[in-house]
Amino acid sequence: MTDVKRMRAVLLRMAALLRRSGHGGWAEALDQRRGELSRDALAAAAAIRSWYGGTGGLDRVALDRPDAEFEALRDELLFMCAPFPIDAPIPPLRRVEGTVMRLHCGRCAADFPGFAFADQAEPEADGLACAASREADELVLAEPEPEEQIAWQAGGDLRFARRLAAEYGRPDLRVQRRRERPADGRAGGVSLRRARPAAGASVFACVRCDGESRVVGELSVEEFEAAGGRVHTVGGLYR
């Protein structure tokens, strides 16, 4: 997915062209997704992608007369909603495995999710990060850029979190952070590529008040989502 601001402009213009041609239902659907971009750009983009393909899809809508502008905007919208640019070289996909942690903050008593990445054999698998929502049971798994990872490890710089918030229209996201070294002595940081967590073994920063939070439970991703939680992967990640 790319520029959220541009996506809003494209959706607005497409809705106007659709209304002009009597497609009020589609125009309302585009307006609804445009409104959702500021709350959850990832979910809005996934919903828009589902409109393409098959009978009755957005890509099959015909205006009352041929309109090159509308067709170009429709193609651009799909391009922007893709996890990566459609016409660009596709980056190698990386599978993400792990479990969802239930965390409890000792300061504000908040309960929220985190993610423990499973250990993987390849050395380049390090450097993944989890961001949790302050407002919902929701996780985003992503890969910081190399300079973002370096800045984090050098002094806890949060430019990766700021990029996630800006790129996906999600100011509620907070990067998962350890508050102390795990028992095995390895430094904590953005990456949480560890084996299954033991309850109470690690301390994390609360996504709401930055207080000390401990693991109080563990779920599979399937169990977490069955209970109403959501786990997103972005970029070239999948699970």
Protein backbone atom coordinates (compact mmCIF):
# COMPACT_ATOMS: atom_id res chain seq x y z
CA MET A 1 0.00 0.00 0.00
CA THR A 2 1.23 3.51 -0.74
CA ASP A 3 0.13 7.13 -0.25
CA VAL A 4 -3.03 7.32 1.87
CA LYS A 5 -3.53 11.00 1.02
CA ARG A 6 -3.50 10.20 -2.70
CA MET A 7 -5.91 7.30 -2.12
CA ARG A 8 -8.41 9.69 -0.55
CA ALA A 9 -8.19 11.99 -3.58
CA VAL A 10 -8.64 9.11 -6.02
CA LEU A 11 -11.66 7.73 -4.13
CA LEU A 12 -13.25 11.19 -3.98
CA ARG A 13 -12.89 11.78 -7.72
CA MET A 14 -14.04 8.28 -8.66
CA ALA A 15 -17.15 8.68 -6.47
CA ALA A 16 -18.01 11.93 -8.25
CA LEU A 17 -17.67 10.30 -11.68
CA LEU A 18 -19.76 7.32 -10.58
CA ARG A 19 -22.57 9.54 -9.28
CA ARG A 20 -22.56 11.48 -12.52
CA SER A 21 -23.21 8.21 -14.38
CA GLY A 22 -25.93 6.97 -12.05
CA HIS A 23 -23.83 4.52 -10.00
CA GLY A 24 -24.84 5.93 -6.61
CA GLY A 25 -24.34 2.65 -4.79
CA TRP A 26 -20.73 2.35 -5.85
CA ALA A 27 -20.15 6.04 -5.06
CA GLU A 28 -21.41 5.52 -1.51
CA ALA A 29 -19.20 2.45 -1.11
CA LEU A 30 -16.13 4.46 -2.16
CA ASP A 31 -17.08 7.28 0.21
CA GLN A 32 -17.37 4.79 3.05
CA ARG A 33 -13.92 3.36 2.43
CA ARG A 34 -12.48 6.87 2.11
CA GLY A 35 -13.82 7.66 5.58
CA GLU A 36 -12.29 4.46 6.96
CA LEU A 37 -8.78 5.29 5.72
CA SER A 38 -8.05 7.54 8.71
CA ARG A 39 -9.17 4.84 11.14
CA ASP A 40 -7.79 1.69 9.55
CA ALA A 41 -6.08 2.09 6.19
CA LEU A 42 -5.01 -1.56 6.12
CA ALA A 43 -8.55 -2.87 6.41
CA ALA A 44 -9.90 -0.28 3.96
CA ALA A 45 -7.28 -1.24 1.36
CA ALA A 46 -8.07 -4.94 1.79
CA ALA A 47 -11.79 -4.22 1.29
CA ILE A 48 -11.07 -2.22 -1.86
CA ARG A 49 -8.91 -5.02 -3.29
CA SER A 50 -11.83 -7.42 -2.83
CA TRP A 51 -13.88 -5.28 -5.26
CA TYR A 52 -11.64 -6.28 -8.17
CA GLY A 53 -12.21 -9.47 -10.11
CA GLY A 54 -15.29 -11.55 -10.79
CA THR A 55 -18.69 -10.48 -12.02
CA GLY A 56 -20.11 -7.32 -10.53
CA GLY A 57 -16.74 -6.01 -9.43
CA LEU A 58 -15.54 -2.43 -9.59
CA ASP A 59 -13.35 -3.32 -12.54
CA ARG A 60 -16.51 -4.29 -14.48
CA VAL A 61 -18.40 -1.03 -13.85
CA ALA A 62 -19.07 0.91 -17.07
CA LEU A 63 -19.93 4.60 -17.02
CA ASP A 64 -22.62 6.02 -19.29
CA ARG A 65 -19.87 6.87 -21.77
CA PRO A 66 -16.22 5.79 -22.06
CA ASP A 67 -14.11 7.76 -19.60
CA ALA A 68 -10.34 7.45 -19.76
CA GLU A 69 -9.94 9.37 -16.49
CA PHE A 70 -12.13 6.94 -14.56
CA GLU A 71 -10.36 3.91 -16.01
CA ALA A 72 -6.96 5.35 -15.11
CA LEU A 73 -8.11 6.15 -11.56
CA ARG A 74 -9.54 2.66 -11.15
CA ASP A 75 -6.22 1.09 -12.14
CA GLU A 76 -4.31 3.49 -9.88
CA LEU A 77 -6.54 2.63 -6.93
CA LEU A 78 -5.77 -1.07 -7.24
CA PHE A 79 -2.07 -0.26 -7.59
CA MET A 80 -2.12 1.79 -4.37
CA CYS A 81 -4.06 -0.81 -2.39
CA ALA A 82 -1.61 -3.59 -3.19
CA PRO A 83 0.84 -4.60 -0.41
CA PHE A 84 3.60 -3.52 -2.84
CA PRO A 85 3.48 -1.78 -6.24
CA ILE A 86 1.97 -4.14 -8.79
CA ASP A 87 4.33 -3.21 -11.63
CA ALA A 88 7.43 -3.03 -9.46
CA PRO A 89 9.74 -6.00 -8.88
CA ILE A 90 8.00 -8.09 -6.23
CA PRO A 91 10.18 -8.39 -3.12
CA PRO A 92 10.79 -11.90 -1.82
CA LEU A 93 7.96 -12.86 0.51
CA ARG A 94 8.85 -13.80 4.06
CA ARG A 95 6.65 -16.00 6.16
CA VAL A 96 6.01 -14.82 9.71
CA GLU A 97 5.26 -17.32 12.44
CA GLY A 98 4.72 -16.89 16.13
CA THR A 99 2.16 -16.58 18.89
CA VAL A 100 0.08 -13.78 20.37
CA MET A 101 0.94 -12.75 23.91
CA ARG A 102 -1.61 -11.34 26.34
CA LEU A 103 0.07 -8.53 28.28
CA HIS A 104 -1.08 -6.78 31.45
CA CYS A 105 0.22 -3.39 32.61
CA GLY A 106 0.98 -3.04 36.31
CA ARG A 107 0.56 0.74 36.19
CA CYS A 108 -2.73 1.37 34.34
CA ALA A 109 -4.11 -2.21 34.43
CA ALA A 110 -4.52 -2.27 30.64
CA ASP A 111 -4.70 -5.64 28.90
CA PHE A 112 -3.40 -5.68 25.33
CA PRO A 113 -1.83 -8.07 22.79
CA GLY A 114 1.75 -8.49 21.67
CA PHE A 115 3.50 -10.86 19.30
CA ALA A 116 6.33 -13.33 19.91
CA PHE A 117 8.05 -14.17 16.63
CA ALA A 118 9.07 -17.82 16.36
CA ASP A 119 12.78 -18.51 15.95
CA GLN A 120 13.83 -19.05 12.36
CA ALA A 121 17.02 -20.56 10.98
CA GLU A 122 17.99 -17.90 8.44
CA PRO A 123 19.99 -14.99 9.92
CA GLU A 124 18.26 -12.39 7.74
CA ALA A 125 14.96 -13.18 9.48
CA ASP A 126 15.88 -10.80 12.33
CA GLY A 127 14.61 -7.24 12.27
CA LEU A 128 10.85 -7.74 12.23
CA ALA A 129 8.64 -5.69 14.47
CA CYS A 130 5.18 -5.75 15.95
CA ALA A 131 2.97 -2.71 16.52
CA ALA A 132 -0.12 -2.92 18.71
CA SER A 133 -3.16 -0.69 18.68
CA ARG A 134 -3.89 1.41 21.75
CA GLU A 135 -7.62 1.18 20.99
CA ALA A 136 -8.35 -2.39 19.85
CA ASP A 137 -7.16 -5.98 19.96
CA GLU A 138 -5.09 -5.53 16.82
CA LEU A 139 -1.49 -6.18 15.78
CA VAL A 140 0.51 -5.12 12.72
CA LEU A 141 3.60 -7.14 11.79
CA ALA A 142 6.09 -5.21 9.69
CA GLU A 143 9.74 -4.91 8.74
CA PRO A 144 11.59 -1.73 9.69
CA GLU A 145 13.87 -0.17 7.12
CA PRO A 146 17.57 -0.73 7.90
CA GLU A 147 18.07 2.89 9.03
CA GLU A 148 15.01 2.64 11.27
CA GLN A 149 16.35 -0.52 12.87
CA ILE A 150 19.76 1.10 13.42
CA ALA A 151 18.20 4.23 14.94
CA TRP A 152 16.11 2.10 17.27
CA GLN A 153 19.04 -0.01 18.47
CA ALA A 154 21.24 3.07 18.92
CA GLY A 155 18.88 4.95 21.19
CA GLY A 156 15.27 3.88 20.94
CA ASP A 157 14.39 6.29 18.13
CA LEU A 158 10.77 5.72 17.09
CA ARG A 159 10.90 6.84 13.44
CA PHE A 160 9.64 3.38 12.44
CA ALA A 161 6.51 3.88 14.55
CA ARG A 162 6.00 7.34 13.08
CA ARG A 163 6.25 5.95 9.55
CA LEU A 164 3.68 3.25 10.28
CA ALA A 165 1.30 5.84 11.72
CA ALA A 166 1.69 8.16 8.72
CA GLU A 167 1.74 5.53 5.97
CA TYR A 168 -1.31 3.64 7.15
CA GLY A 169 -3.24 6.45 8.82
CA ARG A 170 -2.95 4.72 12.18
CA PRO A 171 -1.83 7.05 14.99
CA ASP A 172 -3.08 4.45 17.48
CA LEU A 173 -0.21 2.05 16.70
CA ARG A 174 2.66 1.65 19.17
CA VAL A 175 5.75 -0.46 18.48
CA GLN A 176 6.20 -3.34 20.89
CA ARG A 177 9.20 -2.68 23.15
CA ARG A 178 10.96 -4.66 25.82
CA ARG A 179 11.69 -2.85 29.06
CA GLU A 180 14.52 -5.15 30.15
CA ARG A 181 16.78 -7.84 28.80
CA PRO A 182 15.32 -11.33 28.59
CA ALA A 183 16.75 -13.97 30.87
CA ASP A 184 19.09 -15.37 28.19
CA GLY A 185 21.03 -12.08 28.11
CA ARG A 186 20.23 -11.10 24.53
CA ALA A 187 19.44 -7.43 24.07
CA GLY A 188 15.80 -6.52 23.63
CA GLY A 189 14.63 -4.13 20.95
CA VAL A 190 12.24 -3.83 18.07
CA SER A 191 12.80 -7.45 17.06
CA LEU A 192 11.01 -10.05 19.16
CA ARG A 193 12.19 -13.12 17.31
CA ARG A 194 12.13 -15.41 20.32
CA ALA A 195 10.76 -18.83 21.13
CA ARG A 196 7.52 -19.24 23.06
CA PRO A 197 7.40 -16.73 25.95
CA ALA A 198 7.16 -17.87 29.53
CA ALA A 199 4.49 -16.03 31.50
CA GLY A 200 6.04 -13.20 33.49
CA ALA A 201 9.55 -13.73 32.07
CA SER A 202 9.80 -10.50 30.04
CA VAL A 203 8.76 -6.92 30.71
CA PHE A 204 7.31 -4.78 27.93
CA ALA A 205 6.30 -1.13 27.65
CA CYS A 206 2.56 -0.59 27.88
CA VAL A 207 1.05 0.72 24.63
CA ARG A 208 -1.11 3.14 26.63
CA CYS A 209 0.95 4.49 29.54
CA ASP A 210 4.48 3.10 28.88
CA GLY A 211 4.35 1.30 32.23
CA GLU A 212 5.78 -2.14 32.90
CA SER A 213 3.68 -4.90 31.37
CA ARG A 214 4.14 -8.63 31.70
CA VAL A 215 3.05 -11.68 29.75
CA VAL A 216 0.03 -13.28 31.40
CA GLY A 217 -1.05 -15.62 28.63
CA GLU A 218 -0.42 -16.92 25.15
CA LEU A 219 -2.66 -17.71 22.19
CA SER A 220 -2.20 -19.00 18.70
CA VAL A 221 -2.98 -16.45 15.99
CA GLU A 222 -6.06 -18.50 15.09
CA GLU A 223 -7.33 -18.41 18.69
CA PHE A 224 -6.70 -14.66 18.91
CA GLU A 225 -8.61 -13.95 15.70
CA ALA A 226 -11.45 -16.30 16.65
CA ALA A 227 -11.89 -14.20 19.80
CA GLY A 228 -12.22 -11.02 17.72
CA GLY A 229 -8.58 -9.94 17.46
CA ARG A 230 -6.85 -9.03 14.21
CA VAL A 231 -3.29 -9.62 12.97
CA HIS A 232 -2.14 -7.73 9.85
CA THR A 233 1.04 -8.34 7.87
CA VAL A 234 2.34 -5.57 5.62
CA GLY A 235 4.95 -5.23 2.91
CA GLY A 236 6.41 -8.55 1.77
CA LEU A 237 5.38 -10.42 4.92
CA TYR A 238 2.76 -13.15 5.07
CA ARG A 239 1.64 -15.80 7.53
